[in-house]
N, C-alpha and C. Protein backbone atom coordinates (compact mmCIF):
# COMPACT_ATOMS: atom_id res chain seq x y z
N MET A 1 11.99 5.02 -4.66
CA MET A 1 12.37 5.30 -3.28
C MET A 1 11.49 4.49 -2.33
N ASP A 2 12.08 4.01 -1.28
CA ASP A 2 11.39 3.18 -0.31
C ASP A 2 10.79 4.05 0.79
N TYR A 3 10.08 3.42 1.70
CA TYR A 3 9.54 4.14 2.84
C TYR A 3 10.65 4.71 3.69
N PRO A 4 10.46 5.90 4.23
CA PRO A 4 11.52 6.54 5.00
C PRO A 4 11.70 5.95 6.40
N ILE A 5 10.69 5.35 6.97
CA ILE A 5 10.79 4.84 8.34
C ILE A 5 11.06 3.34 8.28
N LYS A 6 12.07 2.91 9.02
CA LYS A 6 12.53 1.54 8.93
C LYS A 6 12.01 0.62 10.03
N HIS A 7 11.26 1.13 11.02
CA HIS A 7 10.76 0.21 12.04
C HIS A 7 9.39 -0.33 11.65
N ALA A 8 8.99 -1.40 12.28
CA ALA A 8 7.75 -2.09 11.92
C ALA A 8 6.53 -1.26 12.30
N PRO A 9 5.48 -1.32 11.48
CA PRO A 9 4.25 -0.61 11.85
C PRO A 9 3.57 -1.28 13.04
N SER A 10 2.76 -0.51 13.75
CA SER A 10 2.02 -1.04 14.90
C SER A 10 0.85 -1.90 14.45
N ALA A 11 0.28 -1.57 13.30
CA ALA A 11 -0.83 -2.34 12.74
C ALA A 11 -0.73 -2.28 11.22
N ARG A 12 -1.21 -3.35 10.58
CA ARG A 12 -1.14 -3.46 9.13
C ARG A 12 -2.43 -4.11 8.65
N GLN A 13 -3.05 -3.54 7.63
CA GLN A 13 -4.23 -4.14 7.02
C GLN A 13 -3.95 -4.29 5.53
N PHE A 14 -4.15 -5.50 4.99
CA PHE A 14 -3.83 -5.80 3.60
C PHE A 14 -5.04 -6.38 2.90
N ASP A 15 -5.35 -5.85 1.72
CA ASP A 15 -6.41 -6.38 0.85
C ASP A 15 -5.69 -6.91 -0.39
N ALA A 16 -5.87 -8.18 -0.69
CA ALA A 16 -5.11 -8.85 -1.76
C ALA A 16 -5.53 -8.48 -3.17
N GLY A 17 -6.58 -7.68 -3.35
CA GLY A 17 -6.99 -7.29 -4.70
C GLY A 17 -7.58 -8.46 -5.48
N ASP A 18 -7.62 -8.33 -6.80
CA ASP A 18 -8.21 -9.37 -7.65
C ASP A 18 -7.67 -9.24 -9.06
N PHE A 19 -7.94 -10.24 -9.86
CA PHE A 19 -7.61 -10.21 -11.27
C PHE A 19 -8.74 -9.47 -12.01
N PRO A 20 -8.45 -8.85 -13.14
CA PRO A 20 -9.50 -8.13 -13.88
C PRO A 20 -10.49 -9.10 -14.53
N VAL A 21 -11.65 -9.23 -13.92
CA VAL A 21 -12.68 -10.15 -14.38
C VAL A 21 -13.96 -9.36 -14.64
N LYS A 22 -14.63 -9.67 -15.72
CA LYS A 22 -15.91 -9.04 -16.03
C LYS A 22 -16.94 -10.15 -16.24
N GLN A 23 -18.09 -9.98 -15.63
CA GLN A 23 -19.16 -10.97 -15.77
C GLN A 23 -20.27 -10.39 -16.64
N TYR A 24 -20.71 -11.18 -17.61
CA TYR A 24 -21.81 -10.80 -18.49
C TYR A 24 -22.96 -11.78 -18.25
N ARG A 25 -24.16 -11.27 -18.12
CA ARG A 25 -25.33 -12.10 -17.87
C ARG A 25 -26.30 -11.96 -19.04
N ALA A 26 -26.69 -13.09 -19.59
CA ALA A 26 -27.65 -13.11 -20.70
C ALA A 26 -29.07 -12.99 -20.17
N GLN A 27 -30.02 -12.73 -21.06
CA GLN A 27 -31.42 -12.59 -20.65
C GLN A 27 -31.97 -13.88 -20.05
N ASP A 28 -31.42 -15.03 -20.46
CA ASP A 28 -31.93 -16.29 -19.92
C ASP A 28 -31.30 -16.65 -18.57
N GLY A 29 -30.45 -15.78 -18.04
CA GLY A 29 -29.85 -16.02 -16.73
C GLY A 29 -28.45 -16.61 -16.76
N MET A 30 -28.04 -17.10 -17.92
CA MET A 30 -26.70 -17.66 -18.03
C MET A 30 -25.68 -16.53 -17.89
N SER A 31 -24.55 -16.86 -17.28
CA SER A 31 -23.51 -15.84 -17.16
C SER A 31 -22.18 -16.37 -17.68
N VAL A 32 -21.39 -15.44 -18.16
CA VAL A 32 -20.06 -15.74 -18.67
C VAL A 32 -19.09 -14.80 -17.97
N ARG A 33 -18.00 -15.37 -17.50
CA ARG A 33 -16.97 -14.53 -16.87
C ARG A 33 -15.74 -14.55 -17.76
N ILE A 34 -15.20 -13.36 -18.02
CA ILE A 34 -14.03 -13.23 -18.88
C ILE A 34 -12.90 -12.62 -18.07
N LEU A 35 -11.73 -13.25 -18.14
CA LEU A 35 -10.53 -12.76 -17.49
C LEU A 35 -9.81 -11.84 -18.48
N TYR A 36 -9.62 -10.57 -18.11
CA TYR A 36 -9.04 -9.57 -19.00
C TYR A 36 -7.56 -9.32 -18.77
N GLY A 37 -6.93 -10.07 -17.91
CA GLY A 37 -5.50 -9.88 -17.68
C GLY A 37 -4.94 -10.96 -16.79
N SER A 38 -3.62 -11.06 -16.79
CA SER A 38 -2.97 -12.12 -16.00
C SER A 38 -2.31 -11.56 -14.74
N LYS A 39 -2.50 -10.28 -14.46
CA LYS A 39 -1.88 -9.67 -13.29
C LYS A 39 -2.93 -9.19 -12.31
N ARG A 40 -2.73 -9.58 -11.06
CA ARG A 40 -3.63 -9.14 -9.98
C ARG A 40 -3.35 -7.67 -9.69
N THR A 41 -4.38 -6.92 -9.45
CA THR A 41 -4.23 -5.50 -9.15
C THR A 41 -5.24 -5.08 -8.09
N GLY A 42 -5.12 -3.86 -7.64
CA GLY A 42 -6.06 -3.34 -6.66
C GLY A 42 -5.71 -3.71 -5.23
N GLN A 43 -4.49 -4.20 -4.98
CA GLN A 43 -4.10 -4.49 -3.61
C GLN A 43 -4.07 -3.19 -2.82
N GLN A 44 -4.47 -3.26 -1.56
CA GLN A 44 -4.46 -2.09 -0.69
C GLN A 44 -3.72 -2.45 0.59
N LEU A 45 -2.96 -1.50 1.09
CA LEU A 45 -2.20 -1.69 2.30
C LEU A 45 -2.33 -0.45 3.16
N THR A 46 -2.82 -0.63 4.39
CA THR A 46 -2.92 0.47 5.34
C THR A 46 -1.98 0.17 6.49
N LEU A 47 -1.13 1.13 6.79
CA LEU A 47 -0.13 0.97 7.85
C LEU A 47 -0.37 2.02 8.92
N GLN A 48 -0.28 1.59 10.17
CA GLN A 48 -0.43 2.51 11.30
C GLN A 48 0.81 2.43 12.16
N TYR A 49 1.31 3.58 12.53
CA TYR A 49 2.46 3.70 13.40
C TYR A 49 2.01 4.44 14.64
N SER A 50 2.10 3.80 15.79
CA SER A 50 1.64 4.38 17.05
C SER A 50 2.80 4.94 17.85
N ALA A 51 2.60 6.13 18.37
CA ALA A 51 3.55 6.78 19.29
C ALA A 51 4.97 6.82 18.74
N ILE A 52 5.11 7.36 17.52
CA ILE A 52 6.45 7.51 16.95
C ILE A 52 6.90 8.96 17.11
N PRO A 53 8.20 9.21 17.12
CA PRO A 53 8.68 10.58 17.23
C PRO A 53 8.20 11.44 16.05
N ASP A 54 7.94 12.70 16.32
CA ASP A 54 7.49 13.61 15.26
C ASP A 54 8.48 13.68 14.10
N VAL A 55 9.75 13.47 14.37
CA VAL A 55 10.77 13.48 13.32
C VAL A 55 10.48 12.37 12.31
N ASP A 56 10.10 11.19 12.79
CA ASP A 56 9.75 10.09 11.89
C ASP A 56 8.44 10.37 11.17
N ALA A 57 7.46 10.93 11.87
CA ALA A 57 6.17 11.27 11.26
C ALA A 57 6.37 12.27 10.13
N GLU A 58 7.25 13.21 10.33
CA GLU A 58 7.53 14.22 9.31
C GLU A 58 8.11 13.59 8.04
N GLN A 59 8.87 12.51 8.19
CA GLN A 59 9.45 11.84 7.03
C GLN A 59 8.39 11.27 6.10
N PHE A 60 7.24 10.86 6.66
CA PHE A 60 6.15 10.39 5.80
C PHE A 60 5.62 11.51 4.92
N ILE A 61 5.48 12.70 5.49
CA ILE A 61 5.01 13.84 4.70
C ILE A 61 6.04 14.17 3.61
N GLU A 62 7.31 14.16 3.97
CA GLU A 62 8.36 14.44 2.99
C GLU A 62 8.34 13.42 1.86
N HIS A 63 8.16 12.14 2.19
CA HIS A 63 8.09 11.10 1.16
C HIS A 63 6.87 11.31 0.28
N TYR A 64 5.74 11.66 0.88
CA TYR A 64 4.51 11.93 0.13
C TYR A 64 4.75 13.07 -0.87
N ILE A 65 5.44 14.11 -0.44
CA ILE A 65 5.73 15.24 -1.32
C ILE A 65 6.69 14.82 -2.43
N GLU A 66 7.72 14.03 -2.10
CA GLU A 66 8.65 13.53 -3.11
C GLU A 66 7.94 12.71 -4.18
N GLN A 67 6.90 11.99 -3.79
CA GLN A 67 6.14 11.15 -4.72
C GLN A 67 5.11 11.97 -5.50
N LYS A 68 5.08 13.27 -5.28
CA LYS A 68 4.06 14.16 -5.89
C LYS A 68 2.67 13.71 -5.47
N GLY A 69 2.53 13.47 -4.17
CA GLY A 69 1.24 13.05 -3.62
C GLY A 69 0.88 11.65 -4.05
N THR A 70 -0.29 11.50 -4.64
CA THR A 70 -0.77 10.19 -5.07
C THR A 70 -0.29 9.81 -6.46
N PHE A 71 0.58 10.61 -7.06
CA PHE A 71 1.04 10.38 -8.43
C PHE A 71 2.13 9.31 -8.52
N GLY A 72 3.19 9.44 -7.74
CA GLY A 72 4.35 8.55 -7.86
C GLY A 72 4.08 7.14 -7.37
N ALA A 73 4.81 6.19 -7.94
CA ALA A 73 4.69 4.78 -7.53
C ALA A 73 6.09 4.21 -7.34
N TRP A 74 6.25 3.32 -6.39
CA TRP A 74 7.56 2.76 -6.07
C TRP A 74 7.41 1.32 -5.59
N ALA A 75 8.52 0.58 -5.63
CA ALA A 75 8.56 -0.80 -5.13
C ALA A 75 9.17 -0.78 -3.74
N MET A 76 8.67 -1.63 -2.86
CA MET A 76 9.26 -1.78 -1.53
C MET A 76 10.36 -2.82 -1.59
N THR A 77 11.47 -2.54 -0.96
CA THR A 77 12.56 -3.51 -0.90
C THR A 77 12.24 -4.54 0.18
N LEU A 78 13.01 -5.62 0.20
CA LEU A 78 12.79 -6.65 1.21
C LEU A 78 13.03 -6.15 2.62
N THR A 79 13.80 -5.09 2.76
CA THR A 79 14.09 -4.56 4.09
C THR A 79 13.19 -3.38 4.47
N ALA A 80 12.18 -3.12 3.67
CA ALA A 80 11.31 -1.97 3.93
C ALA A 80 10.68 -2.05 5.31
N GLY A 81 10.65 -0.93 6.00
CA GLY A 81 10.04 -0.88 7.32
C GLY A 81 8.58 -1.30 7.30
N ALA A 82 7.89 -1.03 6.19
CA ALA A 82 6.48 -1.38 6.08
C ALA A 82 6.24 -2.88 6.18
N ARG A 83 7.25 -3.68 5.86
CA ARG A 83 7.09 -5.14 5.88
C ARG A 83 7.73 -5.79 7.09
N ARG A 84 8.42 -5.02 7.91
CA ARG A 84 9.03 -5.59 9.11
C ARG A 84 7.93 -6.04 10.07
N GLY A 85 8.11 -7.18 10.67
CA GLY A 85 7.11 -7.73 11.57
C GLY A 85 6.10 -8.63 10.85
N TRP A 86 6.14 -8.66 9.53
CA TRP A 86 5.25 -9.51 8.72
C TRP A 86 5.86 -10.90 8.67
N GLY A 87 5.11 -11.93 9.08
CA GLY A 87 5.62 -13.28 9.12
C GLY A 87 5.42 -14.07 7.85
N GLY A 88 4.71 -13.50 6.89
CA GLY A 88 4.44 -14.20 5.63
C GLY A 88 5.51 -13.93 4.59
N ASP A 89 5.23 -14.35 3.38
CA ASP A 89 6.13 -14.17 2.25
C ASP A 89 6.26 -12.67 1.94
N TYR A 90 7.49 -12.18 1.87
CA TYR A 90 7.71 -10.76 1.62
C TYR A 90 7.18 -10.32 0.26
N GLU A 91 7.14 -11.21 -0.73
CA GLU A 91 6.63 -10.84 -2.04
C GLU A 91 5.14 -10.51 -2.00
N THR A 92 4.41 -11.08 -1.04
CA THR A 92 2.98 -10.81 -0.93
C THR A 92 2.72 -9.33 -0.72
N LEU A 93 3.46 -8.70 0.18
CA LEU A 93 3.28 -7.28 0.43
C LEU A 93 4.10 -6.42 -0.53
N GLY A 94 4.98 -7.04 -1.30
CA GLY A 94 5.83 -6.29 -2.21
C GLY A 94 5.15 -5.94 -3.52
N VAL A 95 4.22 -6.69 -3.97
CA VAL A 95 3.42 -6.56 -5.19
C VAL A 95 4.25 -6.50 -6.47
N VAL A 96 5.58 -6.55 -6.38
CA VAL A 96 6.42 -6.48 -7.56
C VAL A 96 6.21 -7.70 -8.44
N ALA A 97 6.05 -8.87 -7.83
CA ALA A 97 5.88 -10.11 -8.59
C ALA A 97 4.66 -10.05 -9.50
N SER A 98 3.65 -9.26 -9.15
CA SER A 98 2.46 -9.16 -9.99
C SER A 98 2.52 -7.94 -10.90
N GLY A 99 3.69 -7.31 -11.03
CA GLY A 99 3.85 -6.19 -11.96
C GLY A 99 3.31 -4.87 -11.43
N ASN A 100 3.16 -4.75 -10.13
CA ASN A 100 2.60 -3.55 -9.53
C ASN A 100 3.65 -2.79 -8.74
N ARG A 101 3.34 -1.56 -8.43
CA ARG A 101 4.10 -0.73 -7.52
C ARG A 101 3.11 -0.10 -6.55
N TRP A 102 3.59 0.37 -5.41
CA TRP A 102 2.73 1.05 -4.45
C TRP A 102 2.69 2.54 -4.73
N ARG A 103 1.54 3.16 -4.46
CA ARG A 103 1.41 4.61 -4.47
C ARG A 103 0.50 4.98 -3.32
N TYR A 104 0.56 6.23 -2.89
CA TYR A 104 -0.32 6.69 -1.83
C TYR A 104 -1.75 6.77 -2.35
N ALA A 105 -2.69 6.26 -1.58
CA ALA A 105 -4.11 6.38 -1.92
C ALA A 105 -4.63 7.74 -1.46
N GLU A 106 -3.99 8.31 -0.46
CA GLU A 106 -4.36 9.61 0.09
C GLU A 106 -3.17 10.12 0.90
N ALA A 107 -3.27 11.34 1.35
CA ALA A 107 -2.19 11.93 2.15
C ALA A 107 -2.07 11.20 3.50
N PRO A 108 -0.85 11.09 4.04
CA PRO A 108 -0.69 10.50 5.37
C PRO A 108 -1.48 11.29 6.41
N LYS A 109 -2.02 10.58 7.38
CA LYS A 109 -2.78 11.22 8.46
C LYS A 109 -1.94 11.16 9.73
N ILE A 110 -1.73 12.31 10.33
CA ILE A 110 -0.91 12.40 11.54
C ILE A 110 -1.75 12.95 12.68
N THR A 111 -1.73 12.25 13.80
CA THR A 111 -2.46 12.67 15.00
C THR A 111 -1.45 12.83 16.13
N SER A 112 -1.45 14.01 16.74
CA SER A 112 -0.53 14.27 17.84
C SER A 112 -1.02 13.55 19.09
N VAL A 113 -0.12 12.79 19.73
CA VAL A 113 -0.43 12.08 20.96
C VAL A 113 -0.11 12.98 22.15
N TYR A 114 1.09 13.51 22.15
CA TYR A 114 1.54 14.52 23.10
C TYR A 114 2.75 15.17 22.45
N PRO A 115 3.26 16.27 22.99
CA PRO A 115 4.36 16.99 22.32
C PRO A 115 5.53 16.07 21.96
N GLY A 116 5.87 16.08 20.67
CA GLY A 116 7.00 15.30 20.18
C GLY A 116 6.67 13.88 19.76
N VAL A 117 5.43 13.44 19.96
CA VAL A 117 5.03 12.06 19.63
C VAL A 117 3.70 12.08 18.89
N SER A 118 3.63 11.30 17.81
CA SER A 118 2.42 11.26 16.99
C SER A 118 2.07 9.85 16.56
N ASN A 119 0.83 9.67 16.14
CA ASN A 119 0.38 8.46 15.46
C ASN A 119 0.27 8.80 13.98
N VAL A 120 0.66 7.87 13.11
CA VAL A 120 0.59 8.10 11.67
C VAL A 120 -0.16 6.94 11.03
N SER A 121 -1.02 7.26 10.09
CA SER A 121 -1.73 6.25 9.30
C SER A 121 -1.54 6.58 7.83
N ILE A 122 -1.12 5.56 7.06
CA ILE A 122 -0.97 5.78 5.62
C ILE A 122 -1.71 4.67 4.87
N ALA A 123 -2.33 5.06 3.78
CA ALA A 123 -3.07 4.13 2.93
C ALA A 123 -2.39 4.07 1.57
N LEU A 124 -2.06 2.85 1.14
CA LEU A 124 -1.38 2.63 -0.13
C LEU A 124 -2.25 1.80 -1.06
N LEU A 125 -2.05 2.01 -2.35
CA LEU A 125 -2.80 1.30 -3.38
C LEU A 125 -1.81 0.77 -4.40
N ALA A 126 -1.95 -0.48 -4.82
CA ALA A 126 -1.07 -1.05 -5.84
C ALA A 126 -1.60 -0.67 -7.21
N VAL A 127 -0.67 -0.26 -8.08
CA VAL A 127 -1.03 0.12 -9.44
C VAL A 127 -0.10 -0.58 -10.42
N LEU A 128 -0.63 -0.97 -11.58
CA LEU A 128 0.19 -1.59 -12.62
C LEU A 128 1.09 -0.55 -13.26
N VAL A 129 2.34 -0.91 -13.45
CA VAL A 129 3.29 0.02 -14.07
C VAL A 129 3.87 -0.51 -15.36
N ASP A 130 3.68 -1.76 -15.68
CA ASP A 130 4.23 -2.36 -16.91
C ASP A 130 3.27 -2.23 -18.06
């Protein structure tokens, strides 16, 4: 299931993650780095929605519950609201190309601005599913 809100976020923060690398250091100071996989993981995406109707804010909570909180993982479609307004390659924020899906890192945070209008912040984490 995709994100319930289809309009663009007010702010977006993306961390591109990394490949699984482990560094070993010998007693003489030499180091060896070993790549343990071919898929990048650990991408993080934080989305903020400013002054949206409470009806839309409520949909984030409903989606969070449908995903069983931080348990469920899903792929974003090319038309996902979370990626609207992004001028770069849609696959970058989609994480599907690297074998990942998005899941909630924590519960959505909702702040009331005034009656009927709220700010919403959600934090997502990419996880390997293959």
